[in-house]
C-alpha cells in the first residue's frame, strides 16, 4: 500500500469580520455617492464647480446612465 510522503496541508480560511469591512464599505460608499453627484447633478443651480468642464467630462456617462442634461 502506497503512502504519501507528505500529508496535504489545507490552508485555514479566516472569516472576515464586519469591523474589518466597515471602513472600506464607508469609503467606497462615499466615493460612489461623489461620483453619482458629479455624473447626475453637477450642472446649473446645484453646481459646486463653476464652468462647463465637469459637465463635459461626464456628459457621455450622464446619457449612458439615463440622466437628462439638455
C-alpha atoms as a PDB file:
ATOM      1  CA  UNK A   1       0.000   0.000   0.000  1.00  0.00           C
ATOM      2  CA  UNK A   2       1.449   3.363  -1.010  1.00  0.00           C
ATOM      3  CA  UNK A   3       1.523   6.229   1.466  1.00  0.00           C
ATOM      4  CA  UNK A   4       2.070   9.861   0.504  1.00  0.00           C
ATOM      5  CA  UNK A   5       5.428  11.293   1.515  1.00  0.00           C
ATOM      6  CA  UNK A   6       3.970  14.485   2.975  1.00  0.00           C
ATOM      7  CA  UNK A   7       0.370  14.932   4.051  1.00  0.00           C
ATOM      8  CA  UNK A   8      -1.633  17.550   2.170  1.00  0.00           C
ATOM      9  CA  UNK A   9      -1.917  20.797   4.117  1.00  0.00           C
ATOM     10  CA  UNK A  10      -5.127  22.755   3.696  1.00  0.00           C
ATOM     11  CA  UNK A  11      -4.908  26.471   4.482  1.00  0.00           C
ATOM     12  CA  UNK A  12      -7.173  27.737   7.221  1.00  0.00           C
ATOM     13  CA  UNK A  13      -9.805  30.178   5.956  1.00  0.00           C
ATOM     14  CA  UNK A  14     -10.265  33.113   8.288  1.00  0.00           C
ATOM     15  CA  UNK A  15     -13.716  34.703   8.081  1.00  0.00           C
ATOM     16  CA  UNK A  16     -13.860  38.471   7.643  1.00  0.00           C
ATOM     17  CA  UNK A  17     -15.462  40.453  10.401  1.00  0.00           C
ATOM     18  CA  UNK A  18     -17.813  43.390   9.980  1.00  0.00           C
ATOM     19  CA  UNK A  19     -15.278  45.591  11.793  1.00  0.00           C
ATOM     20  CA  UNK A  20     -12.701  44.821   9.104  1.00  0.00           C
ATOM     21  CA  UNK A  21     -15.063  45.523   6.204  1.00  0.00           C
ATOM     22  CA  UNK A  22     -16.948  48.568   7.565  1.00  0.00           C
ATOM     23  CA  UNK A  23     -14.277  51.262   6.931  1.00  0.00           C
ATOM     24  CA  UNK A  24     -13.816  50.092   3.338  1.00  0.00           C
ATOM     25  CA  UNK A  25     -17.573  49.958   2.772  1.00  0.00           C
ATOM     26  CA  UNK A  26     -17.934  53.531   4.061  1.00  0.00           C
ATOM     27  CA  UNK A  27     -15.054  54.750   1.874  1.00  0.00           C
ATOM     28  CA  UNK A  28     -16.433  53.150  -1.282  1.00  0.00           C
ATOM     29  CA  UNK A  29     -19.931  54.379  -0.431  1.00  0.00           C
ATOM     30  CA  UNK A  30     -18.685  57.967  -0.170  1.00  0.00           C
ATOM     31  CA  UNK A  31     -16.747  57.620  -3.434  1.00  0.00           C
ATOM     32  CA  UNK A  32     -19.820  56.179  -5.161  1.00  0.00           C
ATOM     33  CA  UNK A  33     -22.065  58.994  -3.926  1.00  0.00           C
ATOM     34  CA  UNK A  34     -19.499  61.600  -5.015  1.00  0.00           C
ATOM     35  CA  UNK A  35     -19.307  60.052  -8.475  1.00  0.00           C
ATOM     36  CA  UNK A  36     -23.094  59.872  -8.667  1.00  0.00           C
ATOM     37  CA  UNK A  37     -23.313  63.569  -7.756  1.00  0.00           C
ATOM     38  CA  UNK A  38     -20.845  64.615 -10.445  1.00  0.00           C
ATOM     39  CA  UNK A  39     -22.496  62.489 -13.112  1.00  0.00           C
ATOM     40  CA  UNK A  40     -26.078  63.226 -12.142  1.00  0.00           C
ATOM     41  CA  UNK A  41     -26.316  66.691 -10.614  1.00  0.00           C
ATOM     42  CA  UNK A  42     -23.205  68.773 -11.320  1.00  0.00           C
ATOM     43  CA  UNK A  43     -24.731  71.425 -13.526  1.00  0.00           C
ATOM     44  CA  UNK A  44     -26.784  74.568 -13.203  1.00  0.00           C
ATOM     45  CA  UNK A  45     -28.012  75.720  -9.798  1.00  0.00           C
ATOM     46  CA  UNK A  46     -26.503  72.794  -7.862  1.00  0.00           C
ATOM     47  CA  UNK A  47     -23.050  73.180  -9.354  1.00  0.00           C
ATOM     48  CA  UNK A  48     -20.119  73.219  -6.916  1.00  0.00           C
ATOM     49  CA  UNK A  49     -17.534  73.913  -9.622  1.00  0.00           C
ATOM     50  CA  UNK A  50     -18.092  76.845 -11.971  1.00  0.00           C
ATOM     51  CA  UNK A  51     -17.853  76.428 -15.714  1.00  0.00           C
ATOM     52  CA  UNK A  52     -18.684  73.562 -18.042  1.00  0.00           C
ATOM     53  CA  UNK A  53     -15.567  71.409 -17.527  1.00  0.00           C
ATOM     54  CA  UNK A  54     -17.154  68.813 -15.228  1.00  0.00           C
ATOM     55  CA  UNK A  55     -20.282  68.662 -17.381  1.00  0.00           C
ATOM     56  CA  UNK A  56     -18.233  67.960 -20.492  1.00  0.00           C
ATOM     57  CA  UNK A  57     -16.133  65.272 -18.758  1.00  0.00           C
ATOM     58  CA  UNK A  58     -19.170  63.307 -17.552  1.00  0.00           C
ATOM     59  CA  UNK A  59     -21.501  64.087 -20.466  1.00  0.00           C
ATOM     60  CA  UNK A  60     -21.462  60.642 -22.098  1.00  0.00           C
ATOM     61  CA  UNK A  61     -21.712  58.848 -18.757  1.00  0.00           C
ATOM     62  CA  UNK A  62     -24.703  61.007 -17.939  1.00  0.00           C
ATOM     63  CA  UNK A  63     -26.524  59.854 -21.075  1.00  0.00           C
ATOM     64  CA  UNK A  64     -25.440  56.249 -20.534  1.00  0.00           C
ATOM     65  CA  UNK A  65     -26.977  56.236 -17.040  1.00  0.00           C
ATOM     66  CA  UNK A  66     -30.161  57.961 -18.210  1.00  0.00           C
ATOM     67  CA  UNK A  67     -29.683  61.394 -16.646  1.00  0.00           C
ATOM     68  CA  UNK A  68     -31.101  64.244 -18.734  1.00  0.00           C
ATOM     69  CA  UNK A  69     -28.737  67.113 -19.424  1.00  0.00           C
ATOM     70  CA  UNK A  70     -30.142  69.066 -22.387  1.00  0.00           C
END
